[in-house]
Amino acid sequence: MSSANTARYEDLPRSYHIFKWRILLAFAGFYLFLYLGRFNFWPVAPLVKEDLALSNFEIGLVNALLLWGFGLGDLVHGRLAETYGLRLWVLVGAILTTVFNIITSFATSAVTMAIPWGIAGFVNAACWSPGISMVSQWWPRRQRGLAMGIVGTASGGAMVMMWWVSGYVGAEWGWRAAFRYPPLIIVVLGIAFYFLARDRPSDVDLPEYVEEDEVSAAPESLDPERFKGFGPYKELLSNPKFLLASHVKGLENVVRYGLTTWVPIYYFEEGGLSIESTILLTILLPIGYLIARPVAGIISDRYLGSRRRPMVIFSCTASALVLVAIALVPPANVTLGAILLLIGGLSMGVSLITTIAVDIAGRHMSGTASGLLDAHGYAYAGAQALIFAAVLDMAGSPWPIVFLAMAATRVVSGIMISRVNV
């Protein structure tokens, strides 16, 4: 698991630091375009709903299958990539994501859309936890907040990119085009990433860093035999802190993906906006994510001694207040709605819950850890898609209840994460 050629982080050669930035920026650049094949259903959902005559529940079903498919992929891809190759798994995920997007574009009903879309989620997950594991091989905990913040910026930027590109293509050429053409970019970048990246420093004859932070050093010092086979699953699923963090991630995704699932339909139907205006308004959410992530990482690393919990608690508090305000402000008030969506994206974006999972697991289990954490997130995210859809269909679209319920999950998350001292 660890290379015989190791060095203290301060003593690593200059070539190491050049390569660590190459890995980080290559993955961030690839990930910036990945949502063109994952969440591209969201900005065109009103068009799909109208064209295929789908109910809110059927829209929720399509979303749930994608999210649960991704979560199921998270359970296995991180561990498989640790065994067979991190960058190889990312490449395979990129290719298959494009294939199943194109298949989805031929859907004629909720079922024929949901099934290939769910598979698209499963294969797309191969691009996340292996990439996070790769970053952790090059970046120790002392600078991991910054590194994960940059990945988070790419994630937020990916949402903006997807919202703009897929939304524009859908508005101009129809929703089917949004599934066929933008995802082709993913294949090209996946191939480029494969040739640019390397899984670990030892792959290019560079020394491995010695982890000096106790939080991550402890799991990395375990007997290497415990990292074999299903060992990482046993270690992580028996760790109370990791389990709490995983459920916090799940509740966080209820809000993150609840907003991106329902806000476009809310302002399109209740606010009377056009599809173009809806896209312009709701793109403020991912812009908030984009800005907040690196700032939160820098604050955590430089001013909080790499502690992540205070940032998560702040995120929970601020986003809960924003959600209450969204529930109370009429959707016709576009200006105030825009401000709230931007602040909401910022407040959700400062959460460092993914970094907490990698810190707890250490670099040797980081792929499995990020996958398990994300699996919890997407299990909850898929559930919200169905639960909120059922509420909206059965009770006459009580939109304030949906947003207040999301606010309640943030309060619960804040209480739970206060018990995770990382």
Protein backbone atom coordinates (compact mmCIF):
# COMPACT_ATOMS: atom_id res chain seq x y z
CA MET A 1 0.00 0.00 0.00
CA SER A 2 2.74 2.47 0.83
CA SER A 3 5.86 2.90 -1.19
CA ALA A 4 9.30 2.24 0.31
CA ASN A 5 10.28 5.56 -1.28
CA THR A 6 8.68 8.12 1.01
CA ALA A 7 9.48 11.64 2.17
CA ARG A 8 8.12 14.32 4.45
CA TYR A 9 5.88 16.67 2.53
CA GLU A 10 8.31 19.57 3.02
CA ASP A 11 11.12 17.47 1.50
CA LEU A 12 9.34 16.33 -1.66
CA PRO A 13 11.08 17.38 -4.90
CA ARG A 14 9.81 20.22 -7.06
CA SER A 15 8.78 17.73 -9.74
CA TYR A 16 6.34 16.18 -7.26
CA HIS A 17 4.54 19.48 -6.69
CA ILE A 18 4.35 20.15 -10.43
CA PHE A 19 2.80 16.72 -10.94
CA LYS A 20 0.33 17.06 -8.06
CA TRP A 21 -1.06 20.22 -9.70
CA ARG A 22 -1.14 18.45 -13.06
CA ILE A 23 -3.26 15.65 -11.54
CA LEU A 24 -5.59 18.03 -9.73
CA LEU A 25 -6.15 20.39 -12.66
CA ALA A 26 -6.51 17.54 -15.16
CA PHE A 27 -9.25 15.94 -13.05
CA ALA A 28 -10.93 19.30 -12.38
CA GLY A 29 -10.84 20.16 -16.10
CA PHE A 30 -12.35 16.79 -17.01
CA TYR A 31 -15.01 17.05 -14.32
CA LEU A 32 -16.01 20.52 -15.46
CA PHE A 33 -17.78 18.92 -18.43
CA LEU A 34 -18.97 15.67 -16.82
CA TYR A 35 -22.44 16.90 -15.89
CA LEU A 36 -23.23 17.26 -19.59
CA GLY A 37 -23.96 13.55 -19.29
CA ARG A 38 -25.33 13.28 -15.74
CA PHE A 39 -27.69 16.05 -14.72
CA ASN A 40 -28.59 17.32 -18.18
CA PHE A 41 -32.16 16.15 -17.60
CA TRP A 42 -32.82 18.96 -15.13
CA PRO A 43 -32.78 22.10 -17.31
CA VAL A 44 -34.82 20.38 -20.03
CA ALA A 45 -37.21 18.62 -17.63
CA PRO A 46 -40.07 21.04 -18.40
CA LEU A 47 -39.67 20.23 -22.11
CA VAL A 48 -39.56 16.48 -21.48
CA LYS A 49 -42.59 16.70 -19.20
CA GLU A 50 -44.58 18.54 -21.86
CA ASP A 51 -43.43 16.42 -24.83
CA LEU A 52 -43.94 13.02 -23.20
CA ALA A 53 -46.93 14.13 -21.07
CA LEU A 54 -45.29 13.06 -17.79
CA SER A 55 -46.64 13.69 -14.30
CA ASN A 56 -44.59 15.16 -11.47
CA PHE A 57 -44.23 11.66 -10.06
CA GLU A 58 -42.88 10.33 -13.37
CA ILE A 59 -40.39 13.23 -13.49
CA GLY A 60 -39.38 12.26 -9.96
CA LEU A 61 -39.03 8.61 -11.02
CA VAL A 62 -36.66 9.51 -13.87
CA ASN A 63 -34.58 11.60 -11.46
CA ALA A 64 -34.62 8.90 -8.80
CA LEU A 65 -33.36 6.22 -11.19
CA LEU A 66 -30.41 8.41 -12.21
CA LEU A 67 -29.55 9.25 -8.61
CA TRP A 68 -29.95 5.72 -7.31
CA GLY A 69 -28.02 4.37 -10.28
CA PHE A 70 -25.20 6.74 -9.42
CA GLY A 71 -25.38 5.74 -5.76
CA LEU A 72 -25.22 2.05 -6.64
CA GLY A 73 -22.19 2.75 -8.80
CA ASP A 74 -20.57 4.61 -5.91
CA LEU A 75 -20.76 1.46 -3.80
CA VAL A 76 -18.48 -0.47 -6.14
CA HIS A 77 -16.50 1.85 -8.42
CA GLY A 78 -14.23 3.31 -5.75
CA ARG A 79 -13.11 -0.08 -4.49
CA LEU A 80 -12.78 -1.58 -7.98
CA ALA A 81 -10.72 1.39 -9.14
CA GLU A 82 -8.39 1.06 -6.14
CA THR A 83 -7.84 -2.55 -7.24
CA TYR A 84 -7.65 -2.27 -11.04
CA GLY A 85 -6.61 1.32 -11.78
CA LEU A 86 -8.00 4.77 -10.99
CA ARG A 87 -7.53 6.53 -14.32
CA LEU A 88 -8.68 3.45 -16.26
CA TRP A 89 -11.96 3.44 -14.36
CA VAL A 90 -12.49 7.14 -15.08
CA LEU A 91 -11.98 6.52 -18.81
CA VAL A 92 -14.46 3.63 -18.88
CA GLY A 93 -17.01 5.75 -17.04
CA ALA A 94 -16.59 8.60 -19.52
CA ILE A 95 -17.17 6.36 -22.54
CA LEU A 96 -20.20 4.54 -21.13
CA THR A 97 -21.78 7.78 -19.88
CA THR A 98 -21.93 9.07 -23.45
CA VAL A 99 -23.30 5.78 -24.78
CA PHE A 100 -26.21 5.66 -22.35
CA ASN A 101 -27.01 9.35 -22.80
CA ILE A 102 -27.51 8.72 -26.50
CA ILE A 103 -29.71 5.70 -25.75
CA THR A 104 -31.81 7.83 -23.37
CA SER A 105 -32.40 10.40 -26.11
CA PHE A 106 -34.66 7.92 -27.94
CA ALA A 107 -37.08 7.56 -25.01
CA THR A 108 -40.82 7.73 -25.69
CA SER A 109 -42.17 7.26 -22.15
CA ALA A 110 -41.22 7.53 -18.49
CA VAL A 111 -40.08 3.89 -18.41
CA THR A 112 -38.00 3.98 -21.60
CA MET A 113 -36.32 7.10 -20.27
CA ALA A 114 -35.83 6.03 -16.66
CA ILE A 115 -34.11 2.67 -17.36
CA PRO A 116 -31.21 3.84 -19.59
CA TRP A 117 -30.97 7.02 -17.52
CA GLY A 118 -30.51 4.94 -14.38
CA ILE A 119 -27.74 2.95 -16.09
CA ALA A 120 -26.16 6.25 -17.19
CA GLY A 121 -26.02 7.23 -13.53
CA PHE A 122 -24.37 3.92 -12.59
CA VAL A 123 -21.59 4.18 -15.17
CA ASN A 124 -21.10 7.91 -14.60
CA ALA A 125 -20.23 7.17 -10.97
CA ALA A 126 -17.02 5.53 -12.21
CA CYS A 127 -15.67 9.05 -12.79
CA TRP A 128 -16.09 10.37 -9.22
CA SER A 129 -14.61 8.28 -6.40
CA PRO A 130 -11.62 7.06 -8.46
CA GLY A 131 -10.77 10.68 -9.23
CA ILE A 132 -11.12 11.69 -5.57
CA SER A 133 -8.87 8.79 -4.62
CA MET A 134 -6.29 9.94 -7.17
CA VAL A 135 -6.27 13.46 -5.74
CA SER A 136 -5.80 12.11 -2.21
CA GLN A 137 -2.72 10.13 -3.32
CA TRP A 138 -1.00 13.40 -4.17
CA TRP A 139 -2.46 15.83 -1.60
CA PRO A 140 -2.06 15.25 2.18
CA ARG A 141 -4.66 16.38 4.69
CA ARG A 142 -2.85 19.66 5.42
CA GLN A 143 -3.63 20.87 1.85
CA ARG A 144 -6.56 18.62 1.01
CA GLY A 145 -9.14 21.30 1.77
CA LEU A 146 -7.70 23.43 -1.03
CA ALA A 147 -7.46 20.48 -3.43
CA MET A 148 -10.99 19.30 -2.73
CA GLY A 149 -12.18 22.89 -2.93
CA ILE A 150 -10.82 23.11 -6.47
CA VAL A 151 -12.55 19.84 -7.33
CA GLY A 152 -15.68 21.32 -5.80
CA THR A 153 -15.26 24.39 -7.99
CA ALA A 154 -15.12 22.09 -11.00
CA SER A 155 -18.27 20.38 -9.72
CA GLY A 156 -20.06 23.70 -9.33
CA GLY A 157 -18.69 24.85 -12.68
CA ALA A 158 -19.90 21.59 -14.21
CA MET A 159 -23.41 22.41 -13.06
CA VAL A 160 -23.16 25.88 -14.59
CA MET A 161 -21.69 24.45 -17.79
CA MET A 162 -24.40 21.81 -18.00
CA TRP A 163 -27.19 24.29 -17.24
CA TRP A 164 -25.95 26.64 -19.94
CA VAL A 165 -24.95 24.15 -22.67
CA SER A 166 -27.68 21.54 -22.19
CA GLY A 167 -30.30 24.19 -21.51
CA TYR A 168 -29.35 26.14 -24.63
CA VAL A 169 -29.18 23.05 -26.84
CA GLY A 170 -32.54 21.87 -25.46
CA ALA A 171 -34.21 25.24 -25.97
CA GLU A 172 -32.88 25.58 -29.54
CA TRP A 173 -33.00 22.00 -30.89
CA GLY A 174 -35.17 20.06 -28.45
CA TRP A 175 -34.51 17.99 -25.37
CA ARG A 176 -33.31 14.95 -27.33
CA ALA A 177 -30.40 16.93 -28.75
CA ALA A 178 -29.32 17.79 -25.19
CA PHE A 179 -28.74 14.07 -24.58
CA ARG A 180 -27.00 13.34 -27.88
CA TYR A 181 -24.41 16.00 -28.64
CA PRO A 182 -22.96 17.71 -25.51
CA PRO A 183 -22.03 14.33 -23.91
CA LEU A 184 -19.64 13.64 -26.78
CA ILE A 185 -17.26 16.12 -25.13
CA ILE A 186 -16.96 13.75 -22.16
CA VAL A 187 -15.36 10.98 -24.25
CA VAL A 188 -12.73 13.31 -25.69
CA LEU A 189 -11.78 14.70 -22.28
CA GLY A 190 -11.82 11.24 -20.69
CA ILE A 191 -9.20 10.04 -23.17
CA ALA A 192 -7.09 13.17 -22.58
CA PHE A 193 -7.32 12.69 -18.81
CA TYR A 194 -6.19 9.07 -19.10
CA PHE A 195 -2.95 10.10 -20.80
CA LEU A 196 -2.29 13.12 -18.56
CA ALA A 197 -2.91 11.53 -15.16
CA ARG A 198 -1.13 8.91 -13.08
CA ASP A 199 -2.69 7.06 -10.17
CA ARG A 200 0.11 7.53 -7.62
CA PRO A 201 3.50 9.26 -7.31
CA SER A 202 5.26 5.88 -7.45
CA ASP A 203 3.88 5.41 -10.98
CA VAL A 204 6.25 8.15 -12.16
CA ASP A 205 9.14 7.24 -9.81
CA LEU A 206 8.35 9.98 -7.31
CA PRO A 207 8.32 9.49 -3.53
CA GLU A 208 5.02 9.15 -1.64
CA TYR A 209 4.28 11.80 0.98
CA VAL A 210 4.34 10.86 4.67
CA GLU A 211 0.98 11.78 6.24
CA GLU A 212 1.73 13.72 9.44
CA ASP A 213 -1.78 14.76 10.43
CA GLU A 214 -3.10 12.35 13.07
CA VAL A 215 -6.65 12.19 11.66
CA SER A 216 -5.52 10.68 8.35
CA ALA A 217 -2.28 9.10 9.59
CA ALA A 218 -4.16 6.74 11.93
CA PRO A 219 -6.10 4.84 9.23
CA GLU A 220 -3.07 4.85 6.93
CA SER A 221 -1.00 3.10 9.63
CA LEU A 222 -3.28 0.05 9.73
CA ASP A 223 -1.95 -3.36 8.70
CA PRO A 224 -1.98 -3.46 4.85
CA GLU A 225 -3.81 -6.80 5.05
CA ARG A 226 -6.86 -4.90 6.31
CA PHE A 227 -7.02 -2.97 3.04
CA LYS A 228 -7.46 -6.09 0.92
CA GLY A 229 -10.74 -7.38 -0.51
CA PHE A 230 -13.73 -6.10 1.44
CA GLY A 231 -11.48 -4.83 4.24
CA PRO A 232 -12.02 -1.12 3.53
CA TYR A 233 -15.80 -1.59 3.67
CA LYS A 234 -15.49 -3.28 7.08
CA GLU A 235 -13.23 -0.53 8.42
CA LEU A 236 -15.38 2.34 7.26
CA LEU A 237 -18.82 0.89 8.01
CA SER A 238 -17.73 0.16 11.58
CA ASN A 239 -16.53 3.74 12.12
CA PRO A 240 -19.28 5.82 13.84
CA LYS A 241 -17.82 9.14 12.65
CA PHE A 242 -17.79 7.99 9.05
CA LEU A 243 -21.36 6.70 9.28
CA LEU A 244 -22.59 9.98 10.76
CA ALA A 245 -20.80 11.95 8.05
CA SER A 246 -22.38 9.69 5.41
CA HIS A 247 -25.90 10.38 6.64
CA VAL A 248 -25.15 14.10 6.80
CA LYS A 249 -24.09 13.85 3.16
CA GLY A 250 -27.39 12.12 2.42
CA LEU A 251 -29.44 14.87 4.05
CA GLU A 252 -27.28 17.48 2.30
CA ASN A 253 -28.16 15.92 -1.05
CA VAL A 254 -31.86 16.09 -0.22
CA VAL A 255 -31.42 19.85 -0.45
CA ARG A 256 -28.75 20.14 -3.13
CA TYR A 257 -30.51 17.90 -5.62
CA GLY A 258 -33.95 18.73 -4.32
CA LEU A 259 -33.36 22.34 -5.33
CA THR A 260 -31.89 21.51 -8.72
CA THR A 261 -34.69 19.03 -9.40
CA TRP A 262 -37.66 21.17 -8.42
CA VAL A 263 -36.62 24.83 -8.61
CA PRO A 264 -36.73 24.95 -12.45
CA ILE A 265 -40.25 23.46 -12.49
CA TYR A 266 -41.31 25.72 -9.58
CA TYR A 267 -40.36 28.94 -11.35
CA PHE A 268 -41.50 27.65 -14.76
CA GLU A 269 -44.97 26.66 -13.58
CA GLU A 270 -45.66 28.83 -10.53
CA GLY A 271 -43.69 31.90 -11.56
CA GLY A 272 -44.83 31.81 -15.20
CA LEU A 273 -41.28 32.13 -16.58
CA SER A 274 -40.19 30.93 -20.02
CA ILE A 275 -37.76 28.03 -20.28
CA GLU A 276 -34.96 30.49 -21.19
CA SER A 277 -35.72 32.74 -18.19
CA THR A 278 -35.99 29.74 -15.90
CA ILE A 279 -32.54 28.54 -16.94
CA LEU A 280 -31.02 32.01 -16.46
CA LEU A 281 -32.55 32.26 -12.97
CA THR A 282 -31.77 28.79 -11.67
CA ILE A 283 -28.18 28.81 -12.96
CA LEU A 284 -27.43 31.00 -9.93
CA LEU A 285 -27.53 27.90 -7.71
CA PRO A 286 -24.51 26.19 -9.28
CA ILE A 287 -22.71 29.53 -9.58
CA GLY A 288 -22.93 29.70 -5.79
CA TYR A 289 -21.49 26.20 -5.50
CA LEU A 290 -18.64 27.16 -7.84
CA ILE A 291 -17.58 30.21 -5.84
CA ALA A 292 -17.91 28.75 -2.35
CA ARG A 293 -15.92 25.50 -2.55
CA PRO A 294 -12.32 26.76 -2.87
CA VAL A 295 -12.96 29.57 -0.38
CA ALA A 296 -14.21 27.06 2.18
CA GLY A 297 -11.20 24.81 1.57
CA ILE A 298 -8.71 27.64 2.02
CA ILE A 299 -10.41 28.83 5.21
CA SER A 300 -10.36 25.29 6.61
CA ASP A 301 -6.70 24.61 5.76
CA ARG A 302 -5.21 27.99 6.65
CA TYR A 303 -7.35 29.34 9.48
CA LEU A 304 -9.03 26.34 11.09
CA GLY A 305 -6.11 23.91 11.22
CA SER A 306 -7.71 21.67 8.56
CA ARG A 307 -10.86 21.29 10.68
CA ARG A 308 -13.90 20.79 8.46
CA ARG A 309 -16.77 20.61 10.97
CA PRO A 310 -17.17 24.39 11.52
CA MET A 311 -17.69 24.95 7.78
CA VAL A 312 -20.36 22.24 7.60
CA ILE A 313 -22.22 23.67 10.60
CA PHE A 314 -22.14 27.15 9.04
CA SER A 315 -23.45 25.68 5.78
CA CYS A 316 -26.35 23.99 7.56
CA THR A 317 -27.37 27.14 9.43
CA ALA A 318 -27.18 29.56 6.50
CA SER A 319 -28.88 27.28 3.98
CA ALA A 320 -31.74 26.51 6.38
CA LEU A 321 -32.51 30.23 6.64
CA VAL A 322 -32.38 30.62 2.85
CA LEU A 323 -34.79 27.73 2.32
CA VAL A 324 -37.30 29.21 4.73
CA ALA A 325 -37.09 32.47 2.78
CA ILE A 326 -37.62 30.69 -0.58
CA ALA A 327 -40.72 29.04 0.87
CA LEU A 328 -42.17 32.41 1.88
CA VAL A 329 -41.21 34.60 -1.11
CA PRO A 330 -43.71 34.50 -4.04
CA PRO A 331 -42.13 32.89 -7.16
CA ALA A 332 -43.18 35.90 -9.23
CA ASN A 333 -40.61 37.99 -7.31
CA VAL A 334 -37.77 37.04 -9.64
CA THR A 335 -35.22 39.53 -8.25
CA LEU A 336 -35.49 38.33 -4.67
CA GLY A 337 -35.66 34.73 -5.89
CA ALA A 338 -32.39 35.21 -7.78
CA ILE A 339 -30.67 36.60 -4.68
CA LEU A 340 -31.90 33.72 -2.55
CA LEU A 341 -30.79 31.10 -5.07
CA LEU A 342 -27.30 32.61 -5.25
CA ILE A 343 -26.98 32.75 -1.47
CA GLY A 344 -28.39 29.24 -1.26
CA GLY A 345 -25.74 27.94 -3.64
CA LEU A 346 -23.02 29.73 -1.68
CA SER A 347 -24.22 28.39 1.66
CA MET A 348 -24.52 24.82 0.39
CA GLY A 349 -21.14 25.08 -1.34
CA VAL A 350 -19.10 25.84 1.80
CA SER A 351 -19.85 22.38 3.21
CA LEU A 352 -16.72 20.19 3.25
CA ILE A 353 -18.43 16.88 3.97
CA THR A 354 -16.65 15.00 1.16
CA THR A 355 -13.27 16.14 2.48
CA ILE A 356 -14.26 14.88 5.95
CA ALA A 357 -14.81 11.37 4.56
CA VAL A 358 -11.40 11.28 2.86
CA ASP A 359 -9.72 12.65 5.99
CA ILE A 360 -11.29 9.92 8.14
CA ALA A 361 -10.36 7.16 5.69
CA GLY A 362 -6.83 8.21 4.69
CA ARG A 363 -5.46 7.87 1.19
CA HIS A 364 -5.47 4.05 1.04
CA MET A 365 -9.25 3.83 1.51
CA SER A 366 -10.15 7.19 -0.03
CA GLY A 367 -11.80 5.75 -3.13
CA THR A 368 -13.98 3.40 -1.13
CA ALA A 369 -14.77 6.15 1.38
CA SER A 370 -15.78 8.77 -1.17
CA GLY A 371 -17.87 6.15 -2.93
CA LEU A 372 -19.68 5.03 0.23
CA LEU A 373 -20.29 8.62 1.29
CA ASP A 374 -21.63 9.52 -2.14
CA ALA A 375 -23.79 6.39 -2.20
CA HIS A 376 -25.55 7.62 0.93
CA GLY A 377 -25.93 11.00 -0.74
CA TYR A 378 -27.59 9.63 -3.84
CA ALA A 379 -29.80 7.22 -1.92
CA TYR A 380 -31.26 10.22 -0.09
CA ALA A 381 -31.31 12.32 -3.26
CA GLY A 382 -33.32 9.69 -5.13
CA ALA A 383 -35.73 9.39 -2.22
CA GLN A 384 -36.41 13.12 -2.20
CA ALA A 385 -37.21 13.04 -5.91
CA LEU A 386 -39.99 10.51 -5.32
CA ILE A 387 -41.24 11.82 -1.97
CA PHE A 388 -41.49 15.45 -3.03
CA ALA A 389 -43.02 14.41 -6.36
CA ALA A 390 -45.71 12.42 -4.54
CA VAL A 391 -46.40 15.36 -2.22
CA LEU A 392 -46.73 17.77 -5.14
CA ASP A 393 -49.01 15.44 -7.13
CA MET A 394 -51.30 14.41 -4.27
CA ALA A 395 -51.67 17.64 -2.36
CA GLY A 396 -52.11 20.22 -5.11
CA SER A 397 -48.54 21.50 -5.45
CA PRO A 398 -47.85 22.75 -1.87
CA TRP A 399 -44.46 24.16 -2.82
CA PRO A 400 -43.75 25.92 0.54
CA ILE A 401 -43.97 22.55 2.32
CA VAL A 402 -41.26 21.14 0.05
CA PHE A 403 -38.82 23.97 0.80
CA LEU A 404 -39.59 23.98 4.54
CA ALA A 405 -38.96 20.24 4.66
CA MET A 406 -35.57 20.84 3.04
CA ALA A 407 -34.82 23.48 5.68
CA ALA A 408 -35.62 20.96 8.42
CA THR A 409 -33.08 18.50 6.98
CA ARG A 410 -30.38 21.16 7.26
CA VAL A 411 -31.15 21.66 10.93
CA VAL A 412 -30.93 17.90 11.54
CA SER A 413 -27.64 17.79 9.59
CA GLY A 414 -26.13 20.51 11.77
CA ILE A 415 -27.00 18.59 14.92
CA MET A 416 -25.54 15.34 13.54
CA ILE A 417 -22.26 16.80 12.25
CA SER A 418 -21.61 18.48 15.62
CA ARG A 419 -20.76 14.98 16.87
CA VAL A 420 -18.07 14.43 14.22
CA ASN A 421 -14.90 16.08 15.48
CA VAL A 422 -12.90 16.36 12.26
